[in-house]
Amino acid sequence: MNTRLGDLYSLKNHPYDNNSTKVKIAGLASMTPPILVVSEILNSPKQYDIDTGIIKSGQVRCIFYSHKNHKFENLWFNINDLKLIEKNDSDVNREDRVNDEIVTKDVVLNRFDNPSILKEIKNEFLNKQVILNSCDLELGKLKTTFSQTEYKSIDKITAHLDFLPPVLTVIDVKLNEEKIGFNPKSGNRKKISAVYLLKCKWYNSLSGSFSEDFIPIDTVQILPNLDLNPIKDAINNKNIFRYDLGKDILKESAKSLKHIYVLPLEIIFNHHKYEVRYYDIFRDRFSKMKFNDFMLGEDKMKVDDLILEKIPEFKSDVGEFSKIKDFIFEKNNFYRIIYRDLQGNTTKRIIFVKEFIQNKVVIADCLLRNGEERHFRVDENAILKLEILNQSFFI
């Protein structure tokens, strides 16, 4: 039993496991059990059943948040009845293990006997926001429902937020005062539990008031303090930023392009984490990413910096508008066009020109179509608008 405090488990019918948490839940999603956070471990030496000779199952106490009564529940489970979802990589309360028994004689007692550690823990956690280790997985659960009409079928995907724990504010930290019992043979602690308990407060939407409870320190993680002002300023100033993808988006070309430029549009708060909704200029699509993944470069650029010239555009020196049919597309250059196909559908797209036959066709890789090659008619009813782009943005 390599279980540690803070590990995530669930019953074996849970769709997640330690190899995959990207599974959509169909059927009656409300029958999905909660993700359990290990808060205590019975530290028993290896024992066998006298009738069967099979090794006895270890026991763990687990905590989860009930969305029905809006309280934290604590229950004991046989470890063999559960499956691992995710290991806890935190160094808090890390102990060594010998012959399936956790060696705790020195580690735990030293923590209890050292008051300076409690002071350090208070400095680290007091007045901070924390979440249960299972929060991100519960927040990310998706359920899919299927419906069908005479002409088409639809899979509707929505968030499945059962057992989602609240964001907690730490209002006090104390030592776990539970009596320590030891194995008379090995001298190790009979039960492994958190050395420190966090007194937490949260808003209880069921009662319309605030609730408090003591939560084992190993079962939570601190939320980072984020400075939203740089993103807010970028949104207000309409700045654009380079974002490296790590993969080539020109699939059918000798040219390599592994980055895009994004325009941040708004900040979205999702339970406890911030996301940025943005416009992908290169691929003409709206998307969002985690706040911490949105890297702001030092260069503050705008969309107008990308565009060198627009056609058609009034030319004062000749007293008339420039015409697309007179323009010569250069090979191996990027352009942005507004294009109308034969069905009358109009799209905006950035293209990488590979071949050009004047007054007839542009053969190019299209970023709107995942870098695939497309043929574009060159006439006033097809390419409605053309923008000559600054090629340095594509290097």
Protein backbone atom coordinates (compact mmCIF):
# COMPACT_ATOMS: atom_id res chain seq x y z
CA MET A 1 0.00 0.00 0.00
CA ASN A 2 1.88 3.05 -1.27
CA THR A 3 -0.86 5.44 -0.23
CA ARG A 4 0.00 8.88 1.10
CA LEU A 5 -2.03 11.61 2.74
CA GLY A 6 -3.58 13.83 0.09
CA ASP A 7 -3.76 11.10 -2.58
CA LEU A 8 -6.93 11.03 -4.69
CA TYR A 9 -8.99 7.83 -4.85
CA SER A 10 -12.54 6.86 -5.75
CA LEU A 11 -14.74 3.80 -6.04
CA LYS A 12 -13.85 1.52 -8.89
CA ASN A 13 -16.85 2.53 -11.00
CA HIS A 14 -15.55 6.09 -11.33
CA PRO A 15 -14.69 6.79 -15.00
CA TYR A 16 -11.34 8.40 -14.11
CA ASP A 17 -8.13 6.56 -13.31
CA ASN A 18 -4.50 7.49 -12.85
CA ASN A 19 -3.90 7.30 -16.62
CA SER A 20 -6.86 9.32 -17.84
CA THR A 21 -9.08 12.06 -16.46
CA LYS A 22 -10.35 13.28 -19.85
CA VAL A 23 -13.41 11.04 -19.98
CA LYS A 24 -16.88 12.42 -20.66
CA ILE A 25 -19.67 10.94 -18.54
CA ALA A 26 -22.84 9.71 -20.24
CA GLY A 27 -25.90 7.97 -18.83
CA LEU A 28 -27.03 9.03 -15.34
CA ALA A 29 -24.07 11.20 -14.38
CA SER A 30 -25.41 11.73 -10.84
CA MET A 31 -24.43 8.11 -10.04
CA THR A 32 -20.74 9.01 -10.44
CA PRO A 33 -19.10 8.78 -6.98
CA PRO A 34 -17.01 11.62 -5.54
CA ILE A 35 -13.25 11.85 -5.76
CA LEU A 36 -11.91 11.04 -2.30
CA VAL A 37 -8.92 12.73 -0.67
CA VAL A 38 -6.97 10.54 1.77
CA SER A 39 -6.85 12.26 5.17
CA GLU A 40 -5.80 9.38 7.46
CA ILE A 41 -4.12 5.98 7.03
CA LEU A 42 -4.20 3.01 9.39
CA ASN A 43 -0.50 2.17 9.71
CA SER A 44 -0.86 -1.56 10.35
CA PRO A 45 1.97 -4.01 9.62
CA LYS A 46 1.24 -6.58 6.91
CA GLN A 47 -1.36 -9.10 8.13
CA TYR A 48 -3.08 -12.11 6.50
CA ASP A 49 -6.59 -13.50 6.89
CA ILE A 50 -6.38 -16.69 8.98
CA ASP A 51 -9.07 -18.42 6.90
CA THR A 52 -8.05 -17.51 3.36
CA GLY A 53 -4.36 -16.61 3.70
CA ILE A 54 -5.04 -13.44 1.67
CA ILE A 55 -3.37 -10.24 2.82
CA LYS A 56 -5.77 -7.96 4.66
CA SER A 57 -6.77 -4.70 3.07
CA GLY A 58 -5.39 -1.52 4.54
CA GLN A 59 -7.82 1.21 5.55
CA VAL A 60 -7.88 4.90 4.73
CA ARG A 61 -10.11 7.72 5.85
CA CYS A 62 -11.16 10.03 3.03
CA ILE A 63 -12.71 13.46 2.84
CA PHE A 64 -15.03 14.85 0.15
CA TYR A 65 -17.53 17.68 -0.16
CA SER A 66 -21.22 16.81 -0.31
CA HIS A 67 -23.10 19.04 -2.73
CA LYS A 68 -26.36 17.93 -1.08
CA ASN A 69 -25.77 19.17 2.47
CA HIS A 70 -22.84 21.49 1.62
CA LYS A 71 -20.58 19.94 4.24
CA PHE A 72 -17.30 18.01 4.24
CA GLU A 73 -17.84 14.29 4.81
CA ASN A 74 -15.23 11.90 6.26
CA LEU A 75 -15.53 8.12 5.79
CA TRP A 76 -13.31 5.05 6.23
CA PHE A 77 -12.69 2.71 3.26
CA ASN A 78 -10.80 -0.51 2.59
CA ILE A 79 -8.07 0.49 0.16
CA ASN A 80 -8.83 -2.59 -1.99
CA ASP A 81 -12.33 -1.18 -2.63
CA LEU A 82 -10.85 1.95 -4.20
CA LYS A 83 -8.75 2.85 -7.22
CA LEU A 84 -6.07 5.48 -7.49
CA ILE A 85 -6.94 8.65 -9.41
CA GLU A 86 -3.93 10.86 -8.70
CA LYS A 87 -0.90 10.84 -6.40
CA ASN A 88 -0.15 13.74 -4.07
CA ASP A 89 3.30 15.13 -4.91
CA SER A 90 3.44 17.57 -1.98
CA ASP A 91 6.30 17.24 0.51
CA VAL A 92 4.04 17.94 3.51
CA ASN A 93 4.10 15.02 5.99
CA ARG A 94 6.27 12.86 3.69
CA GLU A 95 7.34 9.68 5.51
CA ASP A 96 9.57 6.71 4.67
CA ARG A 97 8.14 3.24 4.22
CA VAL A 98 9.64 -0.09 5.31
CA ASN A 99 7.85 -3.41 4.64
CA ASP A 100 4.53 -1.63 3.91
CA GLU A 101 4.62 0.14 7.28
CA ILE A 102 5.24 3.88 7.41
CA VAL A 103 8.26 4.81 9.53
CA THR A 104 7.09 7.70 11.70
CA LYS A 105 8.96 7.50 15.00
CA ASP A 106 11.28 10.43 14.34
CA VAL A 107 9.54 12.34 11.56
CA VAL A 108 6.18 12.93 13.21
CA LEU A 109 7.39 13.44 16.78
CA ASN A 110 9.95 16.02 15.69
CA ARG A 111 7.22 17.98 13.94
CA PHE A 112 5.06 17.97 17.07
CA ASP A 113 7.91 18.95 19.36
CA ASN A 114 9.06 21.91 17.27
CA PRO A 115 6.88 25.03 17.87
CA SER A 116 8.78 27.02 15.25
CA ILE A 117 7.32 24.80 12.52
CA LEU A 118 3.79 25.70 13.61
CA LYS A 119 4.73 29.37 13.31
CA GLU A 120 6.05 28.76 9.79
CA ILE A 121 2.88 26.92 8.81
CA LYS A 122 0.75 29.78 10.13
CA ASN A 123 2.77 32.29 8.14
CA GLU A 124 2.29 30.19 5.04
CA PHE A 125 -1.43 29.41 5.33
CA LEU A 126 -3.17 31.97 7.54
CA ASN A 127 -5.68 34.15 5.63
CA LYS A 128 -4.86 32.35 2.39
CA GLN A 129 -7.35 30.70 0.07
CA VAL A 130 -7.10 26.92 -0.31
CA ILE A 131 -8.97 24.22 -2.21
CA LEU A 132 -9.38 20.51 -1.59
CA ASN A 133 -6.95 18.46 -3.70
CA SER A 134 -9.89 17.02 -5.65
CA CYS A 135 -11.24 20.43 -6.68
CA ASP A 136 -9.70 20.70 -10.16
CA LEU A 137 -10.82 17.21 -11.16
CA GLU A 138 -14.37 17.77 -9.87
CA LEU A 139 -14.47 21.13 -11.66
CA GLY A 140 -13.31 19.57 -14.93
CA LYS A 141 -15.90 16.77 -15.07
CA LEU A 142 -18.01 16.83 -18.24
CA LYS A 143 -21.24 15.01 -18.96
CA THR A 144 -22.62 14.32 -22.39
CA THR A 145 -26.27 13.84 -23.27
CA PHE A 146 -27.49 12.47 -26.58
CA SER A 147 -30.59 13.53 -28.46
CA GLN A 148 -31.80 12.74 -31.95
CA THR A 149 -34.36 14.19 -34.31
CA GLU A 150 -35.53 12.94 -37.66
CA TYR A 151 -32.70 14.73 -39.44
CA LYS A 152 -29.73 14.89 -37.05
CA SER A 153 -28.28 13.74 -33.75
CA ILE A 154 -26.78 16.03 -31.11
CA ASP A 155 -24.30 15.39 -28.29
CA LYS A 156 -24.66 18.18 -25.74
CA ILE A 157 -21.71 18.60 -23.39
CA THR A 158 -22.11 20.40 -20.04
CA ALA A 159 -20.17 20.66 -16.79
CA HIS A 160 -20.96 18.04 -14.14
CA LEU A 161 -20.34 19.85 -10.86
CA ASP A 162 -21.49 17.33 -8.26
CA PHE A 163 -19.11 17.18 -5.26
CA LEU A 164 -17.33 20.38 -6.29
CA PRO A 165 -15.74 21.71 -3.06
CA PRO A 166 -15.81 25.43 -2.26
CA VAL A 167 -12.88 27.81 -2.10
CA LEU A 168 -11.85 27.99 1.57
CA THR A 169 -10.31 30.81 3.57
CA VAL A 170 -7.90 29.73 6.30
CA ILE A 171 -8.75 31.56 9.53
CA ASP A 172 -6.58 29.54 11.95
CA VAL A 173 -3.96 26.78 12.10
CA LYS A 174 -3.52 24.33 14.95
CA LEU A 175 -1.72 21.12 15.83
CA ASN A 176 -3.73 17.93 15.51
CA GLU A 177 -4.34 17.09 19.18
CA GLU A 178 -5.48 13.51 18.56
CA LYS A 179 -3.71 11.07 20.89
CA ILE A 180 -0.77 9.33 19.24
CA GLY A 181 -0.71 5.52 19.55
CA PHE A 182 2.30 3.40 18.62
CA ASN A 183 2.88 -0.18 17.54
CA PRO A 184 4.50 -1.98 20.51
CA LYS A 185 6.84 -3.98 18.22
CA SER A 186 8.03 -1.44 15.66
CA GLY A 187 7.47 1.75 17.63
CA ASN A 188 5.80 3.33 14.59
CA ARG A 189 2.60 5.31 14.79
CA LYS A 190 -0.56 3.17 14.49
CA LYS A 191 -2.40 5.76 12.44
CA ILE A 192 -1.02 8.37 10.04
CA SER A 193 -2.91 11.64 10.13
CA ALA A 194 -2.18 15.28 9.43
CA VAL A 195 0.09 16.97 11.94
CA TYR A 196 -1.67 20.30 11.35
CA LEU A 197 -5.32 21.20 10.88
CA LEU A 198 -6.57 24.28 9.06
CA LYS A 199 -9.66 26.02 10.38
CA CYS A 200 -11.46 27.10 7.20
CA LYS A 201 -14.42 29.31 6.45
CA TRP A 202 -16.59 29.26 3.32
CA TYR A 203 -19.93 30.53 2.10
CA ASN A 204 -22.64 27.90 2.44
CA SER A 205 -25.19 28.52 -0.31
CA LEU A 206 -27.61 26.02 1.25
CA SER A 207 -27.92 27.91 4.54
CA GLY A 208 -27.28 31.33 3.03
CA SER A 209 -24.60 31.86 5.68
CA PHE A 210 -21.00 30.91 6.41
CA SER A 211 -19.69 27.55 7.58
CA GLU A 212 -16.46 26.55 9.33
CA ASP A 213 -14.60 23.26 9.71
CA PHE A 214 -11.14 21.88 10.43
CA ILE A 215 -9.50 20.44 7.31
CA PRO A 216 -6.29 18.32 7.35
CA ILE A 217 -3.43 20.33 5.87
CA ASP A 218 -2.34 17.49 3.54
CA THR A 219 -5.70 17.46 1.74
CA VAL A 220 -5.57 21.03 0.41
CA GLN A 221 -3.43 23.25 -1.78
CA ILE A 222 -2.91 27.01 -1.59
CA LEU A 223 -4.28 29.17 -4.39
CA PRO A 224 -1.69 31.57 -5.82
CA ASN A 225 -2.14 35.32 -5.69
CA LEU A 226 -2.55 36.59 -9.24
CA ASP A 227 -1.97 40.08 -10.57
CA LEU A 228 -4.74 40.69 -13.09
CA ASN A 229 -3.69 44.25 -13.94
CA PRO A 230 -1.30 43.43 -16.83
CA ILE A 231 -4.03 41.48 -18.65
CA LYS A 232 -6.60 44.19 -17.89
CA ASP A 233 -4.27 46.82 -19.34
CA ALA A 234 -3.63 44.67 -22.43
CA ILE A 235 -7.37 44.26 -23.00
CA ASN A 236 -8.02 48.01 -22.58
CA ASN A 237 -5.15 48.90 -24.93
CA LYS A 238 -6.05 46.17 -27.44
CA ASN A 239 -2.49 44.78 -27.44
CA ILE A 240 -1.62 41.57 -29.25
CA PHE A 241 0.93 38.97 -28.14
CA ARG A 242 2.91 36.14 -29.65
CA TYR A 243 1.99 32.67 -28.34
CA ASP A 244 4.20 29.68 -29.14
CA LEU A 245 2.28 26.48 -29.89
CA GLY A 246 5.14 24.00 -30.05
CA LYS A 247 3.66 22.41 -33.17
CA ASP A 248 3.66 23.29 -36.85
CA ILE A 249 0.37 24.71 -38.14
CA LEU A 250 1.44 24.62 -41.80
CA LYS A 251 0.91 20.93 -42.49
CA GLU A 252 1.37 20.90 -46.25
CA SER A 253 4.23 23.34 -46.74
CA ALA A 254 8.00 23.51 -46.55
CA LYS A 255 7.50 26.64 -44.45
CA SER A 256 7.29 26.09 -40.68
CA LEU A 257 5.00 28.19 -38.45
CA LYS A 258 4.75 27.23 -34.79
CA HIS A 259 3.26 30.35 -33.22
CA ILE A 260 0.19 32.54 -33.39
CA TYR A 261 -0.70 36.07 -32.31
CA VAL A 262 -3.55 36.51 -29.87
CA LEU A 263 -5.71 39.45 -28.83
CA PRO A 264 -6.94 39.13 -25.20
CA LEU A 265 -10.63 40.02 -24.93
CA GLU A 266 -11.85 39.33 -21.40
CA ILE A 267 -11.02 37.66 -18.09
CA ILE A 268 -13.26 34.77 -17.00
CA PHE A 269 -13.45 33.56 -13.37
CA ASN A 270 -14.17 29.82 -13.12
CA HIS A 271 -14.78 28.85 -9.47
CA HIS A 272 -11.23 29.44 -8.29
CA LYS A 273 -9.11 29.99 -11.37
CA TYR A 274 -8.97 32.71 -13.96
CA GLU A 275 -9.03 32.16 -17.70
CA VAL A 276 -8.43 34.54 -20.58
CA ARG A 277 -10.74 34.58 -23.57
CA TYR A 278 -8.82 35.62 -26.67
CA TYR A 279 -9.00 35.98 -30.43
CA ASP A 280 -6.53 33.92 -32.48
CA ILE A 281 -5.61 36.34 -35.27
CA PHE A 282 -3.77 33.81 -37.43
CA ARG A 283 -6.53 31.18 -37.42
CA ASP A 284 -9.54 33.52 -37.04
CA ARG A 285 -11.05 31.78 -34.02
CA PHE A 286 -12.05 32.58 -30.45
CA SER A 287 -10.77 30.45 -27.61
CA LYS A 288 -9.64 30.61 -23.99
CA MET A 289 -6.67 29.45 -21.94
CA LYS A 290 -5.59 29.31 -18.32
CA PHE A 291 -4.51 32.66 -16.92
CA ASN A 292 -1.04 31.35 -16.03
CA ASP A 293 -0.55 30.06 -19.58
CA PHE A 294 -1.18 33.48 -21.09
CA MET A 295 2.30 34.94 -21.41
CA LEU A 296 2.58 38.67 -21.96
CA GLY A 297 5.60 39.65 -23.99
CA GLU A 298 7.50 42.86 -23.42
CA ASP A 299 6.65 44.21 -26.88
CA LYS A 300 3.22 45.82 -26.85
CA MET A 301 1.92 45.46 -30.40
CA LYS A 302 -1.44 46.15 -31.98
CA VAL A 303 -3.31 44.58 -34.87
CA ASP A 304 -2.48 47.59 -37.05
CA ASP A 305 1.22 46.74 -36.66
CA LEU A 306 0.50 43.48 -38.50
CA ILE A 307 -1.12 45.16 -41.51
CA LEU A 308 1.04 47.12 -43.94
CA GLU A 309 -1.56 47.89 -46.62
CA LYS A 310 -5.22 47.24 -47.39
CA ILE A 311 -6.76 46.66 -50.81
CA PRO A 312 -9.08 48.14 -51.97
CA GLU A 313 -7.98 51.45 -50.50
CA PHE A 314 -8.26 54.97 -51.86
CA LYS A 315 -5.01 56.22 -53.42
CA SER A 316 -4.92 59.98 -53.31
CA ASP A 317 -2.00 60.21 -55.75
CA VAL A 318 -4.05 58.64 -58.54
CA GLY A 319 -7.48 59.66 -57.28
CA GLU A 320 -9.01 56.16 -57.25
CA PHE A 321 -9.25 52.92 -55.27
CA SER A 322 -6.62 50.21 -55.63
CA LYS A 323 -7.97 46.96 -57.12
CA ILE A 324 -7.37 43.39 -56.07
CA LYS A 325 -7.26 42.14 -59.67
CA ASP A 326 -4.18 44.33 -60.27
CA PHE A 327 -2.28 42.98 -57.27
CA ILE A 328 0.61 40.54 -57.71
CA PHE A 329 0.75 37.93 -54.93
CA GLU A 330 4.33 37.03 -53.97
CA LYS A 331 5.19 33.40 -53.35
CA ASN A 332 6.18 32.41 -49.78
CA ASN A 333 4.41 35.43 -48.30
CA PHE A 334 1.48 35.62 -45.91
CA TYR A 335 -1.66 37.63 -46.68
CA ARG A 336 -5.05 38.05 -45.06
CA ILE A 337 -8.09 37.92 -47.30
CA ILE A 338 -11.84 38.13 -46.97
CA TYR A 339 -13.07 35.44 -49.36
CA ARG A 340 -16.50 34.54 -50.73
CA ASP A 341 -16.89 31.00 -52.07
CA LEU A 342 -19.22 29.78 -54.80
CA GLN A 343 -21.97 29.12 -52.23
CA GLY A 344 -21.85 32.73 -51.08
CA ASN A 345 -20.18 32.01 -47.71
CA THR A 346 -17.77 34.73 -46.59
CA THR A 347 -14.72 34.02 -44.40
CA LYS A 348 -11.63 35.84 -43.18
CA ARG A 349 -8.40 33.87 -43.44
CA ILE A 350 -4.61 34.19 -43.49
CA ILE A 351 -2.96 32.33 -46.34
CA PHE A 352 0.62 31.36 -47.24
CA VAL A 353 1.02 31.71 -51.01
CA LYS A 354 2.66 28.82 -52.89
CA GLU A 355 1.57 29.55 -56.47
CA PHE A 356 -0.10 32.54 -58.17
CA ILE A 357 -1.69 32.73 -61.63
CA GLN A 358 -2.69 36.33 -62.27
CA ASN A 359 -6.42 37.01 -62.71
CA LYS A 360 -7.13 33.31 -62.15
CA VAL A 361 -6.11 31.59 -58.93
CA VAL A 362 -4.00 31.76 -55.76
CA ILE A 363 -2.78 28.38 -54.47
CA ALA A 364 -2.01 28.70 -50.79
CA ASP A 365 -1.96 26.97 -47.41
CA CYS A 366 -4.84 28.29 -45.34
CA LEU A 367 -4.45 28.83 -41.58
CA LEU A 368 -8.24 28.83 -41.16
CA ARG A 369 -8.25 25.25 -42.47
CA ASN A 370 -5.46 23.90 -40.28
CA GLY A 371 -2.73 24.71 -42.78
CA GLU A 372 -4.26 22.67 -45.62
CA GLU A 373 -3.84 23.72 -49.24
CA ARG A 374 -6.70 25.66 -50.85
CA HIS A 375 -7.32 27.30 -54.23
CA PHE A 376 -8.76 30.84 -54.26
CA ARG A 377 -10.33 32.47 -57.29
CA VAL A 378 -8.97 35.93 -58.10
CA ASP A 379 -11.88 38.18 -59.11
CA GLU A 380 -13.90 40.96 -57.52
CA ASN A 381 -16.65 38.56 -56.43
CA ALA A 382 -14.27 36.13 -54.68
CA ILE A 383 -11.47 38.00 -52.88
CA LEU A 384 -13.42 40.91 -51.45
CA LYS A 385 -10.60 42.39 -49.37
CA LEU A 386 -6.85 41.88 -49.19
CA GLU A 387 -4.39 42.86 -46.47
CA ILE A 388 -0.65 42.86 -47.07
CA LEU A 389 0.94 41.66 -43.81
CA ASN A 390 4.18 42.39 -42.03
CA GLN A 391 6.15 39.21 -42.73
CA SER A 392 8.26 39.62 -39.56
CA PHE A 393 5.25 38.45 -37.54
CA PHE A 394 5.61 35.00 -39.15
CA ILE A 395 9.28 34.39 -38.37
